[in-house]
Protein backbone atom coordinates (compact mmCIF):
# COMPACT_ATOMS: atom_id res chain seq x y z
CA MET A 1 27.36 -0.68 7.70
CA MET A 2 26.01 -3.69 9.54
CA ASP A 3 26.73 -7.15 8.17
CA ILE A 4 23.28 -8.72 7.75
CA ARG A 5 22.39 -12.17 6.42
CA SER A 6 19.12 -13.72 5.34
CA ALA A 7 18.55 -17.15 6.88
CA PRO A 8 17.71 -20.13 4.67
CA MET A 9 14.06 -21.00 5.34
CA GLU A 10 12.76 -23.94 3.34
CA GLY A 11 9.66 -23.12 1.28
CA LEU A 12 9.93 -19.39 2.05
CA THR A 13 13.25 -17.75 1.12
CA ASP A 14 13.47 -19.27 -2.35
CA ALA A 15 15.01 -17.68 -5.44
CA VAL A 16 11.92 -15.57 -6.14
CA PHE A 17 11.85 -14.20 -2.60
CA ARG A 18 15.58 -13.44 -2.70
CA ARG A 19 15.42 -11.63 -6.04
CA VAL A 20 12.39 -9.53 -5.13
CA HIS A 21 13.65 -8.66 -1.66
CA HIS A 22 17.07 -7.68 -2.97
CA ARG A 23 15.52 -5.48 -5.65
CA LEU A 24 12.92 -3.72 -3.50
CA PHE A 25 14.61 -3.49 -0.10
CA GLY A 26 18.26 -4.52 -0.13
CA GLY A 27 20.36 -4.22 3.02
CA VAL A 28 21.27 -7.93 3.06
CA ASN A 29 24.94 -8.81 2.53
CA ARG A 30 24.33 -12.53 1.90
CA TYR A 31 21.24 -14.63 1.27
CA TYR A 32 21.66 -18.30 2.19
CA ILE A 33 19.95 -20.68 -0.22
CA PRO A 34 17.82 -23.28 1.66
CA PHE A 35 19.68 -26.56 1.86
CA VAL A 36 20.25 -29.06 -0.88
CA SER A 37 20.39 -32.62 0.42
CA PRO A 38 22.58 -34.70 -1.92
CA THR A 39 22.23 -38.47 -2.13
CA SER A 40 24.22 -41.34 -3.61
CA HIS A 41 22.45 -40.71 -6.93
CA HIS A 42 24.46 -37.48 -7.26
CA CYS A 43 21.69 -35.37 -8.67
CA PHE A 44 19.49 -32.53 -7.44
CA PRO A 45 15.69 -32.72 -7.70
CA PRO A 46 13.96 -29.99 -9.75
CA ARG A 47 13.23 -27.75 -6.75
CA GLU A 48 16.87 -27.73 -5.69
CA GLN A 49 18.09 -27.35 -9.28
CA ARG A 50 15.87 -24.29 -9.70
CA ASP A 51 16.94 -22.72 -6.43
CA VAL A 52 20.70 -23.00 -6.98
CA ALA A 53 20.68 -22.19 -10.71
CA PRO A 54 23.01 -19.19 -11.21
CA GLU A 55 20.57 -17.55 -13.62
CA ASN A 56 17.90 -17.54 -10.92
CA ASN A 57 20.24 -15.78 -8.49
CA ALA A 58 21.86 -13.32 -10.88
CA GLY A 59 22.83 -10.09 -9.15
CA VAL A 60 21.93 -11.42 -5.70
CA PRO A 61 24.70 -12.24 -3.17
CA VAL A 62 23.91 -15.87 -2.31
CA ILE A 63 25.58 -18.81 -0.57
CA PRO A 64 24.28 -22.36 -1.12
CA GLN A 65 23.73 -24.58 1.89
CA ILE A 66 24.36 -28.34 1.98
CA MET A 67 22.89 -30.84 4.42
CA THR A 68 24.16 -34.42 4.57
CA ARG A 69 25.86 -36.82 6.97
CA TYR A 70 28.14 -38.32 4.33
CA PRO A 71 31.36 -36.49 3.45
CA GLU A 72 31.45 -37.88 -0.09
CA HIS A 73 27.96 -36.46 -0.73
CA PHE A 74 28.97 -33.10 0.69
CA LEU A 75 32.12 -32.96 -1.44
CA TRP A 76 30.19 -33.86 -4.60
CA ALA A 77 27.63 -31.10 -3.90
CA ALA A 78 30.35 -28.58 -3.06
CA GLN A 79 32.05 -29.32 -6.39
CA GLU A 80 28.71 -28.86 -8.16
CA MET A 81 28.37 -25.46 -6.52
CA GLN A 82 31.87 -24.47 -7.56
CA ASP A 83 31.06 -25.55 -11.11
CA ARG A 84 28.04 -23.21 -10.98
CA GLY A 85 30.26 -20.31 -10.01
CA TYR A 86 29.72 -20.14 -6.24
CA ASP A 87 32.73 -19.33 -4.07
CA GLU A 88 31.55 -20.66 -0.67
CA VAL A 89 29.27 -23.37 0.71
CA ASN A 90 27.50 -23.59 4.05
CA LEU A 91 27.08 -26.81 6.05
CA ASN A 92 23.78 -27.24 7.92
CA ILE A 93 24.19 -29.05 11.24
CA GLY A 94 21.36 -27.16 12.91
CA CYS A 95 18.07 -28.14 11.24
CA PRO A 96 15.80 -29.56 14.00
CA SER A 97 13.21 -31.27 11.78
CA GLY A 98 12.31 -34.76 12.94
CA THR A 99 12.49 -36.22 9.44
CA VAL A 100 15.96 -34.72 9.07
CA THR A 101 17.44 -35.69 12.44
CA ALA A 102 16.03 -39.23 12.21
CA LYS A 103 18.41 -39.71 9.27
CA GLY A 104 21.33 -38.34 11.27
CA LYS A 105 21.46 -35.10 9.30
CA GLY A 106 21.11 -31.48 10.36
CA ALA A 107 21.08 -31.20 14.15
CA GLY A 108 21.08 -35.01 14.23
CA MET A 109 24.84 -34.80 13.66
CA LEU A 110 25.24 -33.12 17.04
CA ARG A 111 24.29 -36.37 18.80
CA GLU A 112 27.49 -38.09 17.69
CA PRO A 113 30.51 -35.84 18.26
CA ASP A 114 33.02 -38.45 17.11
CA ALA A 115 31.17 -38.98 13.83
CA LEU A 116 30.89 -35.22 13.39
CA ARG A 117 34.64 -34.87 13.86
CA THR A 118 35.31 -37.56 11.24
CA PHE A 119 32.92 -35.85 8.82
CA LEU A 120 34.55 -32.45 9.32
CA ASP A 121 38.04 -33.94 8.93
CA GLU A 122 37.07 -35.23 5.49
CA ILE A 123 35.29 -32.21 4.10
CA PHE A 124 37.84 -29.67 5.30
CA ALA A 125 40.67 -31.80 3.95
CA HIS A 126 39.19 -32.16 0.49
CA SER A 127 36.76 -29.32 -0.27
CA ARG A 128 37.99 -26.89 -2.90
CA LEU A 129 35.62 -24.21 -1.62
CA PRO A 130 35.64 -22.36 1.71
CA ILE A 131 33.11 -23.81 4.17
CA SER A 132 30.96 -22.01 6.70
CA ILE A 133 28.81 -23.87 9.23
CA LYS A 134 25.37 -23.19 10.69
CA THR A 135 24.82 -24.99 13.99
CA ARG A 136 22.82 -25.26 17.17
CA ILE A 137 24.52 -25.64 20.55
CA GLY A 138 23.49 -29.24 21.17
CA PHE A 139 20.89 -31.89 20.56
CA ALA A 140 19.30 -32.56 23.95
CA SER A 141 21.18 -30.33 26.42
CA PRO A 142 23.08 -27.04 26.38
CA GLU A 143 25.80 -28.84 28.35
CA GLU A 144 26.81 -30.46 25.05
CA TRP A 145 28.07 -27.13 23.73
CA ASP A 146 31.49 -27.12 25.41
CA ALA A 147 32.52 -30.35 23.71
CA LEU A 148 31.00 -29.35 20.37
CA LEU A 149 32.72 -25.98 20.47
CA ASP A 150 36.06 -27.68 21.13
CA ILE A 151 35.54 -29.75 17.97
CA LEU A 152 34.43 -26.84 15.81
CA ARG A 153 37.41 -24.71 16.86
CA GLN A 154 39.75 -27.16 15.14
CA TYR A 155 38.66 -26.34 11.58
CA PRO A 156 39.49 -23.39 9.31
CA MET A 157 35.88 -22.50 8.64
CA LYS A 158 34.89 -19.31 6.86
CA GLU A 159 32.30 -18.56 9.54
CA LEU A 160 30.35 -20.24 12.31
CA ILE A 161 26.68 -19.23 12.42
CA VAL A 162 25.33 -20.05 15.87
CA HIS A 163 21.66 -20.45 16.74
CA PRO A 164 21.91 -20.75 20.53
CA ARG A 165 19.14 -23.29 21.05
CA ILE A 166 19.27 -27.08 21.33
CA ARG A 167 17.52 -29.27 18.79
CA THR A 168 14.74 -30.40 21.14
CA GLN A 169 13.58 -26.80 21.56
CA PHE A 170 12.93 -26.44 17.84
CA TYR A 171 12.12 -22.69 17.76
CA LYS A 172 10.47 -22.44 21.18
CA GLY A 173 11.73 -21.27 24.54
CA GLY A 174 14.49 -18.79 25.11
CA VAL A 175 17.92 -18.80 23.52
CA TYR A 176 20.97 -19.72 25.59
CA SER A 177 22.78 -16.39 25.49
CA GLU A 178 25.57 -17.72 27.73
CA ALA A 179 26.38 -20.36 25.10
CA PHE A 180 26.92 -17.69 22.47
CA ALA A 181 29.00 -15.70 24.95
CA LEU A 182 31.23 -18.75 25.35
CA ALA A 183 31.71 -18.97 21.58
CA ALA A 184 32.48 -15.25 21.48
CA GLN A 185 35.49 -15.89 23.71
CA THR A 186 37.07 -18.03 20.99
CA GLU A 187 38.86 -16.99 17.82
CA LEU A 188 36.04 -18.34 15.65
CA PRO A 189 34.51 -15.93 13.09
CA LEU A 190 30.96 -15.83 14.44
CA VAL A 191 27.54 -14.86 13.10
CA TYR A 192 24.57 -14.64 15.49
CA ASN A 193 21.20 -16.18 14.58
CA GLY A 194 18.12 -16.49 16.76
CA ASP A 195 15.13 -14.40 17.86
CA LEU A 196 16.21 -11.21 16.08
CA PHE A 197 12.57 -10.38 15.52
CA ASP A 198 12.61 -6.59 15.36
CA LEU A 199 14.77 -3.48 15.44
CA PRO A 200 15.10 -3.29 19.26
CA ALA A 201 16.27 -6.93 19.46
CA CYS A 202 18.93 -6.32 16.79
CA GLU A 203 20.09 -3.11 18.44
CA GLU A 204 20.36 -4.88 21.80
CA LEU A 205 22.59 -7.56 20.25
CA GLN A 206 24.80 -4.89 18.69
CA GLN A 207 25.18 -3.17 22.05
CA GLN A 208 26.40 -6.44 23.54
CA TYR A 209 28.53 -7.50 20.54
CA PRO A 210 29.39 -4.41 18.48
CA GLY A 211 29.78 -5.20 14.80
CA MET A 212 28.58 -8.80 15.17
CA PRO A 213 27.21 -10.12 11.87
CA MET A 214 23.53 -11.02 12.23
CA MET A 215 21.44 -13.63 10.43
CA LEU A 216 17.75 -12.71 10.27
CA GLY A 217 15.06 -15.32 9.69
CA ARG A 218 11.52 -14.75 10.90
CA GLY A 219 12.33 -11.11 11.67
CA LEU A 220 13.21 -10.42 8.04
CA LEU A 221 10.20 -12.31 6.71
CA ALA A 222 7.90 -10.28 8.93
CA ASN A 223 9.56 -6.93 8.23
CA PRO A 224 11.39 -6.98 4.89
CA ALA A 225 12.66 -3.44 5.56
CA LEU A 226 14.44 -4.46 8.79
CA PRO A 227 17.92 -4.81 7.17
CA ARG A 228 17.50 -1.39 5.60
CA GLN A 229 16.51 0.13 8.94
CA LEU A 230 19.51 -1.44 10.66
CA ASN A 231 21.70 0.36 8.17
CA GLY A 232 20.04 3.71 8.88
CA GLY A 233 17.33 3.60 6.22
CA ALA A 234 13.62 4.30 6.37
CA PRO A 235 11.10 2.06 8.15
CA LEU A 236 8.58 -0.12 6.36
CA THR A 237 5.46 1.42 4.82
CA VAL A 238 2.13 -0.16 3.89
CA GLU A 239 2.66 0.84 0.26
CA GLU A 240 5.96 -1.06 0.26
CA VAL A 241 4.19 -4.13 1.60
CA ARG A 242 1.75 -3.93 -1.30
CA ARG A 243 4.54 -3.57 -3.87
CA PHE A 244 6.44 -6.45 -2.29
CA HIS A 245 3.36 -8.65 -2.27
CA ASP A 246 2.44 -7.87 -5.87
CA ALA A 247 5.98 -8.40 -7.16
CA LEU A 248 6.25 -11.77 -5.42
CA GLU A 249 2.86 -12.91 -6.66
CA GLN A 250 3.64 -11.87 -10.21
CA GLU A 251 6.87 -13.86 -10.30
CA TYR A 252 5.36 -16.93 -8.63
CA SER A 253 2.48 -16.85 -11.09
CA GLN A 254 4.94 -17.24 -13.94
CA LEU A 255 6.28 -20.45 -12.38
CA PHE A 256 3.46 -22.25 -10.58
CA PRO A 257 -0.26 -23.03 -10.83
CA ARG A 258 -2.72 -21.01 -8.73
CA ASP A 259 -2.84 -23.35 -5.73
CA GLN A 260 0.95 -23.36 -5.38
CA VAL A 261 1.14 -19.59 -5.76
CA HIS A 262 -1.42 -19.22 -2.97
CA CYS A 263 0.50 -21.61 -0.72
CA ARG A 264 3.76 -19.71 -1.15
CA MET A 265 2.17 -16.27 -0.78
CA ARG A 266 0.19 -17.30 2.28
CA GLY A 267 3.38 -18.60 3.95
CA ILE A 268 5.18 -15.30 3.41
CA MET A 269 2.24 -13.02 4.19
CA LYS A 270 1.46 -14.83 7.46
CA HIS A 271 4.82 -13.48 8.61
CA VAL A 272 4.32 -10.01 7.14
CA ALA A 273 0.95 -9.80 8.93
CA CYS A 274 2.94 -9.61 12.19
CA CYS A 275 3.92 -6.05 11.27
CA PHE A 276 0.37 -4.75 11.47
CA GLU A 277 -1.79 -3.77 14.44
CA ARG A 278 -3.60 -6.74 16.01
CA PRO A 279 -0.95 -9.09 14.61
CA GLU A 280 -2.42 -12.33 15.98
CA LYS A 281 -5.77 -11.59 14.32
CA MET A 282 -4.10 -10.58 11.06
CA MET A 283 -1.96 -13.73 11.00
CA LYS A 284 -5.07 -15.89 11.47
CA LEU A 285 -6.86 -13.95 8.77
CA ILE A 286 -4.17 -14.82 6.21
CA ALA A 287 -3.62 -18.37 7.51
CA LYS A 288 -7.26 -19.33 7.00
CA THR A 289 -7.44 -18.27 3.37
CA ASN A 290 -7.83 -20.42 0.29
CA PRO A 291 -7.09 -19.35 -3.30
CA HIS A 292 -10.58 -17.82 -3.56
CA THR A 293 -10.49 -15.78 -0.32
CA TYR A 294 -6.82 -14.84 -0.22
CA HIS A 295 -6.91 -11.46 -2.01
CA ASP A 296 -9.83 -10.17 0.06
CA ALA A 297 -7.87 -11.00 3.20
CA VAL A 298 -4.76 -9.22 1.91
CA GLU A 299 -6.83 -6.10 1.16
CA LYS A 300 -8.17 -6.17 4.74
CA LEU A 301 -4.65 -6.54 6.04
CA LEU A 302 -3.38 -3.57 4.05
CA LEU A 303 -6.10 -1.35 5.51
CA GLN A 304 -4.56 -1.81 8.96
CA PRO A 305 -1.86 0.50 10.33
CA LEU A 306 1.64 -0.82 10.91
CA ARG A 307 2.86 -1.35 14.46
CA GLU A 308 5.31 1.14 15.89
CA ALA A 309 8.14 -1.42 15.98
CA PRO A 310 7.09 -3.94 13.32
CA GLY A 311 8.57 -7.40 13.51
CA TYR A 312 7.81 -11.06 14.06
CA VAL A 313 5.39 -12.00 16.84
CA PRO A 314 6.13 -15.48 18.22
């Protein structure tokens, strides 16, 4: 069986998404909870509290993710996760958001290798939980990767999840496959993340790196049956899309007012629309909706046939 992970995507792969996907599709070994960002106040805001609450993740294999530049904040959050019953935490040093990197967090940490080393020294020396890391290969240039990889190799991390882009690319342009190949020559326990948009892309990666754990982001959002297919199961059907949609909407409606439900559903269904014929048109159809027009657009979408190899369309 393939080792498949669900990427943490803020505002999309929340506790509701994780529960519903796990129940209806399965095939994911670990769902990563979108990052909590602890501060000196040592408290989580309501959104983060809700997302990491054990009762909201019951029966779902999840790993919480932490994003901070301060080791004391990381260690406090890791202890909070242990107190909630989690047995691993993930460090985010890959988020490319401008508001994040301007504060020196996420991929912003890749700009200062010496500070990163000091941070890692502290958290690995004092964390009571195993730590995995999700990273990019540099901030402004892929040439930064050699030095960063030399630093990362020094720590007993549970896993290193590599998205082989630099921060300034955000999610555009091609991945640097040679950078991942360099990491694959080390003893580090690797997970691949990046542009695994459909079944052929995942199969190509497995041909190159047999048995390599894979983290799916936009590919899983677009085709929620992709992990099942990778493990030999059936492909997605339109009826499954309808059940998935209705289950998500029902759970969101129990938590949020109508406008917020629409916002969350539209974000997810814009990705799912990629699986249908004429994906660009279908994505625009969903993206332009408001709470009053949304359900008509979904009905139009579900009248379309699925593409032969459904997946995310960049």
